[in-house]
Structures are given as C-alpha cells and as structure tokens.
Protein backbone atom coordinates (compact mmCIF):
# COMPACT_ATOMS: atom_id res chain seq x y z
CA MET A 1 0.00 0.00 0.00
CA ALA A 2 2.90 2.34 0.82
CA LYS A 3 4.45 1.72 -2.60
CA LEU A 4 1.09 2.33 -4.29
CA SER A 5 0.62 5.67 -2.52
CA GLU A 6 4.20 6.57 -3.45
CA SER A 7 3.37 5.88 -7.12
CA PHE A 8 0.46 8.33 -6.89
CA ARG A 9 2.75 10.95 -5.39
CA ASN A 10 5.28 10.35 -8.16
CA ILE A 11 2.64 11.15 -10.77
CA PHE A 12 2.30 14.72 -9.53
CA LYS A 13 6.06 15.18 -9.27
CA ILE A 14 6.33 14.98 -13.06
CA GLN A 15 5.00 18.21 -14.54
CA GLU A 16 4.24 16.83 -18.02
CA LEU A 17 2.40 13.78 -16.66
CA ARG A 18 0.48 15.94 -14.19
CA GLN A 19 -0.61 18.27 -16.99
CA ARG A 20 -1.66 15.34 -19.18
CA ILE A 21 -3.80 13.83 -16.41
CA LEU A 22 -5.44 17.16 -15.53
CA PHE A 23 -6.06 17.87 -19.22
CA THR A 24 -7.68 14.44 -19.65
CA ALA A 25 -9.82 14.92 -16.53
CA GLY A 26 -11.00 18.32 -17.76
CA LEU A 27 -12.14 16.97 -21.12
CA LEU A 28 -13.92 14.03 -19.47
CA VAL A 29 -15.81 16.52 -17.28
CA ILE A 30 -17.00 18.23 -20.47
CA VAL A 31 -18.20 14.85 -21.75
CA ARG A 32 -20.24 14.32 -18.58
CA ILE A 33 -21.73 17.83 -18.75
CA GLY A 34 -22.86 17.23 -22.32
CA ALA A 35 -24.64 14.04 -21.21
CA HIS A 36 -27.09 16.17 -19.18
CA VAL A 37 -27.88 18.95 -21.67
CA THR A 38 -31.28 18.07 -23.16
CA LEU A 39 -31.97 18.46 -26.89
CA PRO A 40 -33.89 21.60 -27.98
CA GLY A 41 -37.64 20.95 -28.26
CA VAL A 42 -37.77 18.09 -25.73
CA ASP A 43 -39.68 18.56 -22.47
CA ALA A 44 -37.16 17.48 -19.83
CA LYS A 45 -39.77 16.84 -17.09
CA LEU A 46 -41.95 14.66 -19.30
CA LEU A 47 -38.85 12.89 -20.57
CA THR A 48 -37.83 11.97 -17.01
CA GLU A 49 -41.31 10.59 -16.31
CA ALA A 50 -41.33 8.64 -19.58
CA MET A 51 -37.93 7.09 -18.88
CA ARG A 52 -39.18 5.74 -15.54
CA SER A 53 -41.73 3.60 -17.36
CA GLN A 54 -39.33 2.53 -20.10
CA SER A 55 -37.73 -0.90 -19.62
CA SER A 56 -33.95 -0.83 -19.38
CA ASN A 57 -33.74 -4.53 -20.29
CA THR A 58 -33.22 -3.56 -23.91
CA LEU A 59 -30.34 -2.96 -26.23
CA PHE A 60 -30.99 0.78 -25.95
CA GLY A 61 -30.66 0.39 -22.18
CA LEU A 62 -27.17 -0.99 -22.77
CA TYR A 63 -26.46 1.81 -25.26
CA ASP A 64 -27.51 4.27 -22.56
CA LEU A 65 -25.01 2.63 -20.21
CA PHE A 66 -22.19 3.17 -22.73
CA VAL A 67 -23.00 6.87 -23.11
CA GLY A 68 -23.41 7.46 -19.38
CA GLY A 69 -27.17 8.08 -19.38
CA ALA A 70 -27.03 10.62 -22.22
CA PHE A 71 -29.44 8.58 -24.35
CA SER A 72 -32.17 8.41 -21.69
CA ASN A 73 -31.62 12.13 -21.06
CA ALA A 74 -32.10 12.87 -24.79
CA ALA A 75 -28.90 14.88 -24.42
CA ILE A 76 -26.75 16.50 -27.09
CA PHE A 77 -24.23 13.67 -26.57
CA ALA A 78 -26.92 10.97 -26.81
CA LEU A 79 -25.22 9.11 -29.67
CA GLY A 80 -21.95 8.99 -27.79
CA ILE A 81 -18.88 7.91 -29.70
CA MET A 82 -20.52 4.82 -31.20
CA PRO A 83 -20.99 6.26 -34.73
CA TYR A 84 -17.23 6.89 -34.89
CA ILE A 85 -16.53 3.31 -33.80
CA SER A 86 -18.98 1.98 -36.40
CA ALA A 87 -17.25 4.01 -39.12
CA SER A 88 -13.84 2.74 -37.94
CA ILE A 89 -15.09 -0.85 -38.16
CA ILE A 90 -16.37 -0.35 -41.69
CA ILE A 91 -13.09 1.24 -42.83
CA GLN A 92 -11.01 -1.55 -41.27
CA LEU A 93 -13.19 -4.22 -42.84
CA LEU A 94 -12.87 -2.50 -46.22
CA GLY A 95 -9.12 -2.45 -45.70
CA ALA A 96 -9.15 -6.25 -45.59
CA VAL A 97 -11.05 -6.76 -48.86
CA ILE A 98 -10.71 -3.66 -51.11
CA PRO A 99 -7.32 -2.96 -52.76
CA TYR A 100 -7.69 0.84 -52.48
CA PHE A 101 -7.98 0.70 -48.69
CA GLN A 102 -5.24 -1.94 -48.50
CA LYS A 103 -2.98 0.46 -50.37
CA LEU A 104 -3.78 3.27 -47.93
CA THR A 105 -2.79 1.13 -44.95
CA LYS A 106 0.67 0.65 -46.50
CA GLU A 107 1.31 4.33 -47.34
CA GLY A 108 2.51 5.29 -43.88
CA GLU A 109 1.56 8.65 -42.42
CA GLU A 110 -0.16 9.94 -45.57
CA GLY A 111 -2.28 6.82 -45.82
CA ARG A 112 -3.20 7.06 -42.13
CA LYS A 113 -4.35 10.67 -42.60
CA LYS A 114 -6.52 9.67 -45.55
CA ILE A 115 -8.06 6.80 -43.58
CA THR A 116 -8.75 9.17 -40.67
CA GLN A 117 -10.45 11.61 -43.05
CA LEU A 118 -12.64 8.87 -44.55
CA THR A 119 -13.52 7.65 -41.06
CA ARG A 120 -14.69 11.12 -40.11
CA TYR A 121 -16.86 11.37 -43.21
CA GLY A 122 -18.35 7.98 -42.37
CA THR A 123 -18.99 9.15 -38.80
CA VAL A 124 -21.03 12.09 -40.10
CA VAL A 125 -23.18 9.86 -42.32
CA ILE A 126 -23.82 7.26 -39.60
CA SER A 127 -24.52 9.97 -37.01
CA MET A 128 -27.08 11.65 -39.28
CA LEU A 129 -28.91 8.37 -39.85
CA GLN A 130 -28.93 7.45 -36.16
CA ALA A 131 -29.98 10.97 -35.17
CA TRP A 132 -32.90 10.76 -37.60
CA GLY A 133 -34.01 7.53 -35.95
CA VAL A 134 -33.70 9.14 -32.49
CA SER A 135 -35.84 12.11 -33.58
CA VAL A 136 -38.57 9.76 -34.86
CA GLN A 137 -38.47 7.78 -31.62
CA LEU A 138 -38.66 10.90 -29.44
CA MET A 139 -41.75 12.14 -31.27
CA SER A 140 -43.47 8.80 -30.58
CA ILE A 141 -42.89 8.80 -26.79
CA ASN A 142 -45.68 9.99 -24.48
CA ALA A 143 -45.76 10.62 -20.74
CA ALA A 144 -48.91 11.31 -18.69
CA GLY A 145 -50.87 11.36 -21.93
CA MET A 146 -48.69 14.08 -23.42
CA PRO A 147 -45.88 13.82 -26.01
CA ILE A 148 -42.42 14.68 -24.69
CA VAL A 149 -41.94 16.68 -27.90
CA PRO A 150 -44.82 19.19 -28.09
CA GLU A 151 -47.01 18.85 -31.17
CA MET A 152 -46.25 22.42 -32.22
CA VAL A 153 -42.55 21.50 -32.31
CA GLN A 154 -42.90 18.14 -34.05
CA GLY A 155 -42.16 17.96 -37.74
CA PHE A 156 -39.32 18.23 -40.20
CA GLY A 157 -37.80 21.20 -38.36
CA PHE A 158 -37.40 19.22 -35.14
CA GLN A 159 -35.95 16.25 -37.02
CA LEU A 160 -33.47 18.44 -38.87
CA SER A 161 -32.32 20.30 -35.75
CA THR A 162 -31.97 17.01 -33.84
CA MET A 163 -29.89 15.53 -36.64
CA PHE A 164 -27.53 18.51 -36.68
CA VAL A 165 -27.23 18.78 -32.88
CA LEU A 166 -26.62 15.06 -32.29
CA THR A 167 -24.18 14.81 -35.20
CA GLY A 168 -22.34 17.86 -33.94
CA GLY A 169 -22.23 16.32 -30.47
CA THR A 170 -20.71 13.10 -31.80
CA MET A 171 -18.12 14.98 -33.86
CA PHE A 172 -17.22 17.11 -30.86
CA MET A 173 -16.79 13.99 -28.71
CA MET A 174 -14.64 12.45 -31.44
CA TRP A 175 -12.45 15.56 -31.37
CA LEU A 176 -12.24 15.38 -27.57
CA GLY A 177 -11.12 11.75 -27.85
CA GLU A 178 -8.39 12.69 -30.32
CA GLN A 179 -7.19 15.47 -28.01
CA ILE A 180 -7.00 13.05 -25.07
CA THR A 181 -4.99 10.64 -27.20
CA GLU A 182 -2.56 13.30 -28.44
CA ARG A 183 -2.27 15.66 -25.46
CA GLY A 184 -3.66 13.57 -22.60
CA ILE A 185 -2.78 10.10 -21.32
CA GLY A 186 -3.93 8.27 -24.47
CA ASN A 187 -6.82 5.91 -25.28
CA GLY A 188 -9.13 8.89 -25.78
CA ILE A 189 -12.08 7.07 -27.38
CA SER A 190 -11.87 4.19 -24.90
CA LEU A 191 -11.69 6.60 -21.95
CA ILE A 192 -14.86 8.38 -23.09
CA ILE A 193 -16.72 5.07 -23.09
CA PHE A 194 -15.04 4.18 -19.79
CA ILE A 195 -16.20 7.34 -18.01
CA GLY A 196 -19.75 6.87 -19.31
CA ILE A 197 -19.91 3.38 -17.82
CA VAL A 198 -18.30 4.33 -14.51
CA ALA A 199 -20.77 7.22 -14.15
CA ARG A 200 -23.58 4.65 -13.84
CA PHE A 201 -21.81 2.77 -11.04
CA PRO A 202 -23.61 4.62 -8.17
CA ASN A 203 -27.00 3.84 -9.77
CA ALA A 204 -26.12 0.13 -9.95
CA LEU A 205 -25.18 0.06 -6.27
CA LEU A 206 -28.29 2.05 -5.31
CA ASP A 207 -30.58 -0.40 -7.14
CA GLU A 208 -29.01 -3.33 -5.31
CA TYR A 209 -29.26 -1.54 -1.96
CA GLN A 210 -32.96 -0.84 -2.52
CA LEU A 211 -33.58 -4.49 -3.35
CA VAL A 212 -31.88 -5.66 -0.15
CA SER A 213 -33.44 -2.98 2.07
CA SER A 214 -36.93 -3.74 0.73
CA GLY A 215 -36.50 -7.45 1.38
CA ALA A 216 -36.80 -8.38 -2.31
CA ARG A 217 -33.37 -10.00 -2.13
CA GLY A 218 -31.61 -11.57 0.84
CA LEU A 219 -28.29 -10.30 2.12
CA ILE A 220 -26.67 -13.73 1.69
CA ILE A 221 -27.71 -13.88 -1.98
CA GLU A 222 -26.35 -10.37 -2.48
CA LEU A 223 -23.01 -11.33 -0.95
CA ILE A 224 -22.82 -14.42 -3.18
CA ILE A 225 -23.45 -12.21 -6.24
CA PHE A 226 -20.68 -9.82 -5.22
CA VAL A 227 -18.26 -12.69 -4.65
CA LEU A 228 -19.16 -14.05 -8.10
CA MET A 229 -18.51 -10.63 -9.62
CA PHE A 230 -15.14 -10.52 -7.84
CA PHE A 231 -14.10 -13.79 -9.46
CA ILE A 232 -15.29 -12.52 -12.84
CA VAL A 233 -13.12 -9.41 -12.43
CA ALA A 234 -10.16 -11.57 -11.41
CA GLY A 235 -10.72 -13.80 -14.45
CA ILE A 236 -10.86 -10.77 -16.75
CA VAL A 237 -7.59 -9.43 -15.34
CA LEU A 238 -5.87 -12.81 -15.71
CA VAL A 239 -7.04 -13.34 -19.29
CA THR A 240 -6.23 -9.75 -20.25
CA GLN A 241 -2.68 -9.99 -18.90
CA ALA A 242 -1.88 -13.65 -19.72
CA THR A 243 0.91 -14.12 -22.29
CA ARG A 244 2.72 -16.91 -24.10
CA ARG A 245 6.43 -16.20 -24.61
CA ILE A 246 8.23 -17.56 -27.70
CA PRO A 247 12.05 -17.80 -27.36
CA VAL A 248 14.03 -16.19 -30.18
CA GLN A 249 17.81 -16.66 -30.46
CA TYR A 250 20.00 -14.00 -32.04
CA ALA A 251 23.48 -15.14 -33.11
CA LYS A 252 26.44 -12.78 -32.92
CA ARG A 253 28.55 -15.11 -35.08
CA VAL A 254 27.73 -18.26 -37.03
CA VAL A 255 30.43 -20.67 -38.30
CA GLY A 256 29.01 -23.61 -40.19
CA ARG A 257 26.26 -24.95 -37.96
CA LYS A 258 27.71 -23.62 -34.72
CA ILE A 259 26.43 -20.47 -33.03
CA TYR A 260 28.79 -18.30 -31.01
CA GLY A 261 27.69 -15.61 -28.57
CA GLY A 262 23.96 -16.26 -29.02
CA VAL A 263 21.48 -14.02 -27.18
CA THR A 264 17.98 -15.29 -26.35
CA GLN A 265 15.02 -12.92 -26.31
CA TYR A 266 11.28 -13.55 -26.14
CA ILE A 267 8.24 -12.56 -28.18
CA PRO A 268 5.35 -11.96 -25.75
CA MET A 269 2.06 -13.09 -27.29
CA ARG A 270 -1.01 -12.08 -25.30
CA VAL A 271 -4.00 -14.38 -25.01
CA ASN A 272 -6.18 -11.32 -25.55
CA THR A 273 -4.14 -9.24 -28.00
CA ALA A 274 -7.24 -7.37 -29.18
CA GLY A 275 -8.13 -6.09 -25.69
CA VAL A 276 -11.66 -4.68 -25.39
CA MET A 277 -11.95 -3.68 -29.04
CA PRO A 278 -13.85 -6.85 -30.14
CA ILE A 279 -16.52 -6.06 -27.55
CA ILE A 280 -16.84 -2.45 -28.66
CA PHE A 281 -16.83 -3.39 -32.36
CA ALA A 282 -19.45 -6.13 -31.95
CA GLN A 283 -21.66 -3.89 -29.81
CA ALA A 284 -21.51 -1.08 -32.36
CA ILE A 285 -22.63 -3.46 -35.12
CA MET A 286 -25.46 -4.86 -32.98
CA PHE A 287 -26.85 -1.35 -32.54
CA ILE A 288 -27.42 -0.99 -36.29
CA PRO A 289 -30.57 -3.20 -36.65
CA ASN A 290 -32.24 -1.50 -33.68
CA THR A 291 -31.34 1.90 -35.09
CA ILE A 292 -33.06 0.99 -38.37
CA LEU A 293 -36.11 -0.30 -36.49
CA THR A 294 -36.56 3.08 -34.77
CA PHE A 295 -37.67 4.49 -38.12
CA PHE A 296 -40.82 2.32 -37.95
CA PRO A 297 -42.31 2.75 -34.45
CA GLU A 298 -45.87 2.08 -35.68
CA SER A 299 -45.13 -1.03 -37.77
CA GLU A 300 -46.14 -4.26 -36.02
CA PHE A 301 -44.06 -6.35 -38.44
CA MET A 302 -40.88 -4.37 -37.78
CA GLN A 303 -41.47 -4.48 -34.04
CA SER A 304 -41.88 -8.25 -34.20
CA ILE A 305 -38.47 -8.42 -35.90
CA ALA A 306 -37.11 -6.21 -33.13
CA GLY A 307 -37.94 -9.01 -30.68
CA TYR A 308 -35.21 -11.15 -32.24
CA PHE A 309 -32.69 -8.36 -31.59
CA SER A 310 -33.85 -7.78 -28.03
CA TYR A 311 -30.91 -7.62 -25.62
CA THR A 312 -32.19 -10.59 -23.60
CA SER A 313 -33.12 -12.82 -26.57
CA ILE A 314 -31.23 -16.00 -27.38
CA THR A 315 -30.83 -14.90 -31.01
CA TYR A 316 -29.11 -11.70 -29.95
CA SER A 317 -26.78 -13.54 -27.56
CA VAL A 318 -25.71 -16.09 -30.20
CA ILE A 319 -25.05 -13.47 -32.90
CA TYR A 320 -23.30 -11.19 -30.41
CA ALA A 321 -21.01 -14.00 -29.18
CA LEU A 322 -20.08 -15.08 -32.72
CA MET A 323 -19.29 -11.48 -33.69
CA ILE A 324 -17.03 -11.08 -30.65
CA ILE A 325 -15.09 -14.22 -31.61
CA PHE A 326 -14.81 -12.97 -35.21
CA PHE A 327 -13.63 -9.48 -34.22
CA THR A 328 -11.15 -10.94 -31.73
CA TYR A 329 -9.41 -12.81 -34.55
CA PHE A 330 -9.83 -9.88 -36.96
CA TYR A 331 -8.36 -7.28 -34.60
CA THR A 332 -5.57 -9.66 -33.54
CA ALA A 333 -4.64 -10.12 -37.22
CA VAL A 334 -4.53 -6.33 -37.63
CA ALA A 335 -2.46 -5.74 -34.47
CA PHE A 336 -0.07 -8.70 -34.81
CA ASN A 337 1.08 -9.88 -38.24
CA PRO A 338 3.13 -13.14 -37.99
CA LYS A 339 4.59 -12.62 -41.48
CA ASP A 340 6.01 -9.20 -40.57
CA VAL A 341 7.38 -10.55 -37.29
CA ALA A 342 9.10 -13.45 -39.08
CA GLU A 343 10.60 -11.14 -41.73
CA ASN A 344 11.94 -8.67 -39.16
CA MET A 345 13.34 -11.53 -37.12
CA GLN A 346 15.16 -12.95 -40.17
CA LYS A 347 16.59 -9.53 -41.10
CA GLN A 348 18.04 -9.16 -37.61
CA GLY A 349 19.57 -12.64 -37.69
CA GLY A 350 17.13 -14.17 -35.23
CA PHE A 351 15.39 -17.53 -35.33
CA ILE A 352 13.17 -19.73 -33.19
CA PRO A 353 15.12 -22.85 -32.10
CA GLY A 354 14.02 -25.88 -34.12
CA ILE A 355 12.07 -23.77 -36.67
CA ARG A 356 13.43 -22.74 -40.07
CA PRO A 357 13.44 -19.00 -40.81
CA GLY A 358 10.97 -17.40 -43.20
CA LYS A 359 7.60 -18.98 -43.96
CA HIS A 360 8.06 -21.82 -41.46
CA THR A 361 8.59 -19.31 -38.67
CA SER A 362 5.57 -17.29 -39.81
CA ASP A 363 3.38 -20.41 -39.85
CA PHE A 364 4.66 -21.46 -36.43
CA ILE A 365 3.84 -18.07 -34.87
CA ASP A 366 0.46 -17.97 -36.62
CA ASN A 367 -0.39 -21.44 -35.32
CA ILE A 368 0.40 -20.48 -31.73
CA LEU A 369 -1.46 -17.18 -32.08
CA THR A 370 -4.56 -18.99 -33.38
CA LYS A 371 -4.50 -21.48 -30.51
CA ILE A 372 -4.12 -18.94 -27.72
CA THR A 373 -6.63 -16.50 -29.25
CA LEU A 374 -9.47 -19.06 -29.35
CA PRO A 375 -9.89 -19.51 -25.57
CA GLY A 376 -9.49 -15.77 -25.10
CA SER A 377 -12.21 -14.98 -27.64
CA ILE A 378 -14.59 -17.56 -26.15
CA PHE A 379 -14.01 -16.12 -22.68
CA LEU A 380 -14.80 -12.62 -23.96
CA ALA A 381 -17.97 -13.88 -25.62
CA ILE A 382 -19.22 -15.70 -22.52
CA VAL A 383 -18.62 -12.76 -20.20
CA ALA A 384 -20.19 -10.34 -22.70
CA ILE A 385 -23.50 -12.25 -22.95
CA LEU A 386 -23.64 -12.98 -19.21
CA PRO A 387 -25.77 -9.88 -18.36
CA ALA A 388 -28.58 -11.07 -20.65
CA PHE A 389 -28.84 -14.34 -18.71
CA LEU A 390 -28.61 -12.54 -15.36
CA MET A 391 -31.52 -10.30 -16.37
CA ARG A 392 -33.58 -13.35 -17.32
CA MET A 393 -32.92 -14.65 -13.79
CA GLY A 394 -34.30 -11.46 -12.20
CA VAL A 395 -31.12 -9.46 -11.56
CA THR A 396 -31.64 -5.71 -12.06
CA SER A 397 -30.53 -4.46 -15.46
CA SER A 398 -28.23 -1.74 -14.09
CA PHE A 399 -26.36 -4.20 -11.85
CA ALA A 400 -26.23 -6.95 -14.49
CA SER A 401 -25.06 -4.56 -17.22
CA PHE A 402 -22.35 -2.98 -15.10
CA PHE A 403 -20.97 -6.01 -13.28
CA GLY A 404 -21.99 -8.87 -15.55
CA GLY A 405 -20.05 -8.57 -18.76
CA THR A 406 -19.40 -6.01 -21.49
CA SER A 407 -19.16 -3.00 -19.19
CA LEU A 408 -16.83 -4.76 -16.79
CA LEU A 409 -14.60 -5.92 -19.66
CA ILE A 410 -14.29 -2.36 -20.93
CA VAL A 411 -13.70 -0.89 -17.46
CA VAL A 412 -11.01 -3.44 -16.58
CA GLY A 413 -9.38 -3.38 -20.03
CA VAL A 414 -9.29 0.41 -20.36
CA GLY A 415 -8.22 0.77 -16.73
CA LEU A 416 -5.24 -1.55 -17.24
CA ASP A 417 -4.28 0.16 -20.51
CA THR A 418 -4.42 3.56 -18.81
CA LEU A 419 -2.24 2.31 -15.95
CA GLN A 420 0.27 1.05 -18.51
CA GLN A 421 0.32 4.49 -20.16
CA ILE A 422 1.03 6.14 -16.81
CA GLU A 423 3.55 3.40 -16.02
CA SER A 424 5.54 4.17 -19.15
CA HIS A 425 5.77 7.88 -18.20
CA LEU A 426 6.96 6.99 -14.69
CA LEU A 427 9.58 4.49 -15.87
CA MET A 428 10.95 6.94 -18.46
CA ARG A 429 11.80 9.24 -15.56
CA HIS A 430 13.15 6.44 -13.32
CA TYR A 431 10.16 6.24 -10.98
CA ASP A 432 8.55 3.00 -9.81
CA GLY A 433 5.12 2.61 -11.37
CA PHE A 434 1.86 0.80 -10.61
CA MET A 435 2.79 -2.41 -12.41
CA LYS A 436 5.68 -3.07 -10.05
CA SER A 437 4.18 -1.81 -6.83
CA GLY A 438 0.65 -2.96 -7.56
CA LYS A 439 1.70 -6.39 -8.85
CA ILE A 440 -0.20 -5.90 -12.10
CA LYS A 441 1.98 -7.93 -14.44
CA GLY A 442 1.53 -10.12 -17.47
CA ARG A 443 1.20 -13.78 -16.55
CA ARG A 444 3.02 -16.50 -18.45
CA MET A 445 1.29 -19.49 -19.93
C-alpha cells in the first residue's frame, strides 16, 4: 500500500504527466456535462417521467449505459462515440477486402491521414442516420398522456435540428477523444466510453441496496453475487494480462552450424491481444438493426423483428457471441502480423530454435497465435453475454449490465491500458510505477 501511494505521489512530481492527467480529466468533465444537456424541443420533465416507465432490459438500455445516461436524457451527446466506432469498423473491414484501402494502410503517415479523413466522413453519415431515428423515436414517446416533444414543435424542423445537434455532439466527442490521445494520457475514445460506464456505477449500487433494504433479495444472496462478480473481475484481469512467450535466439557469429555468442530474447504473445476492441466493435454493429427499427415505431411487423434483436433474446446472444469471436481474430490479425514478425526476425539474424526462418517461422507463430486467441475470444464472448442471462434470472438491469459482462470488460481493459500508459511515463523518468508496486503484471502461460 505504501508503494502504491508513493506511485500516486510520483505522478504529480512529473510536470508533463500531471498536466496530461489534468487535461484528460477536464475533457472528461466536459463529456459528462454534455450528457445532461437536453436536446432543444424536448420537455425534460416529461422525458424523465417517460424514462421511468421505459424498460432498461433492452439494447438501448445498454447503449444508454455506454453513453453514461445521455441517451435516456435525450442529451446532445446521446449518440456517444458509437458512430465513430462503427465508421472505424467499416473502414477496417474494407481495408481487408478492397485494394484501395489496403494500399492506404501501406502508405505510412499519408495513408493514415486519408483513412482518418474517410472515417470522419463515415462518422457524419452514420450519425445523421442514427440521429434521424432518435428524432422519430422521441416524437413517438408519451408521458402522462402528453408527447415529450410538443405537437407544435414536431415535424421536419425538429428532425433536422436534432440531426444537426446530435451529429455535432458526436463529432465534438470524437475531437475530444483525439485530443485526449494526443495531449492527454492516451486511449481517448476508450476513456470516453469508460467514463460513461463508470458514471452509472452509483446507480447500480443504489438499485441493489434498494432491493436488499426492501426485502426483495436476501443479504446472503447479495453477498454471493458480489463474490461471483469478484471472481469474474479476477478472471478478466488474468485473461487480459496472460501471455505466451516464444524464445528467439539471435546469433552474434555463425560458423558452419555452430552459433557463437547467441542471445535469447522472447516474443510476448497475449491471449487477448485485441483487448476490449472486439466487444466495442461487436456492440456497435449490434446497434445498427435496432437503429433501423426506430424508423418504424408504428409497424407491427418491424417491431416483431425487433424481438429477435432484443438484448435478452437468445438470437441476440448467439449473434453477439459469434461477432465477438470474429472481431477478436480480426483485430488480432490487424495488431499482430506473424509474417512481418518473421521477416523482421530474419533480417536481424534471429530464429526460433528448431524452426526454419521465413515462412516456417511465420506459420509457427500464426499457429500459436490462433490457438491462444481461441480460448481468449470464447471467454470474452461468454462474459459479454452474461448480463442477458442474469436479467432473465431477475437481476436488475443496471447491476447486471455494469458487473456482468461487457461494461466490466471495458472498465477493466481500459483501466489496465491507462495504468500502462502512466507506467511508461513513470519508468521513463526512473520512478517506480503501478505495475511493479501494484503487482499488475503479465502472466506466463
């Protein structure tokens, strides 16, 4: 504990790191303020009353968790950063199948700038479409027999203003995320999602307290649930940090078949190389069908289809789990290319003992990566769909959503990544960081 408190003191001894943390905190405060500024034309009092009667056991309830309550508040930041993530997914998928985008990924800094520009254009288009759906949904909601959007306000003007305000809010949040990444402590987009989830933590605890105090749930059952959540958190940390190390030998001098002065190093291969990105990617895709369905609030046929994409439905859970497994492999392939690793290793005179350089080394690394990624992806999928099953068993949606799966994965993953960012700043200036004092280290397999 003493070493941990010393690490916190060390943070504020470094002027640059202190400024980065304060800058990040300031921008995150702006994000939270925007989550409580209601859209023009919406009656805030009626909206609050309407949201009390709305079930949170839906996909939009989970969306609201990701944006820190901004969606249920009909706030200017209601769309959150999800449109940007959706656009990023589309661009990355296109980069795997379309030669033009493949070429951009290989053009270095210029290609990266072009991809960023296209992603921003895609964010605008997706935001406009989602904002249109939100405006249609808002005009269909009533509270106490009155529409939350007055009839004199309803119409094309309200839809147009909502589209511009929500799209502007998303673009502003995207800009804030980029500023946190460049001038703050990094992981800007992930931190925005992180702070939105953490902001709902008091509500989750309050719901559980009310259940226990009212006698609806016994104290023993509540303690068992918390212990279960503790083991889930521990499992997430272990899987997130677990690594498989591949020995690589670098020869200083080779005569015939003999190696002189060899140096052995290791390639750390994480079980969960993709981190929380598969969860975020899969969730962003799963929001698309429900966004489309908001355009048809009066259609019985479309609402019947919506039942298959309900957050607690078996169909949703199966599709969601399969998408997480797919995106885990996809993002791992993007972040870790065995062919590039093998080529760089061969150029530097390194080799894996018992494996021939070149293609054989690449295939060997790829085989190991595939094997260790599979259990990691399945674990992510199981934990991500756990809240849906907890809700079906009667657990409150706020508690299940926060502690049961996706939210917890993001909180733990982003939290560890942020600690690593701070750790790197401390170590650069010869200070002990959290990873050493807090015992947060990668585990070997």
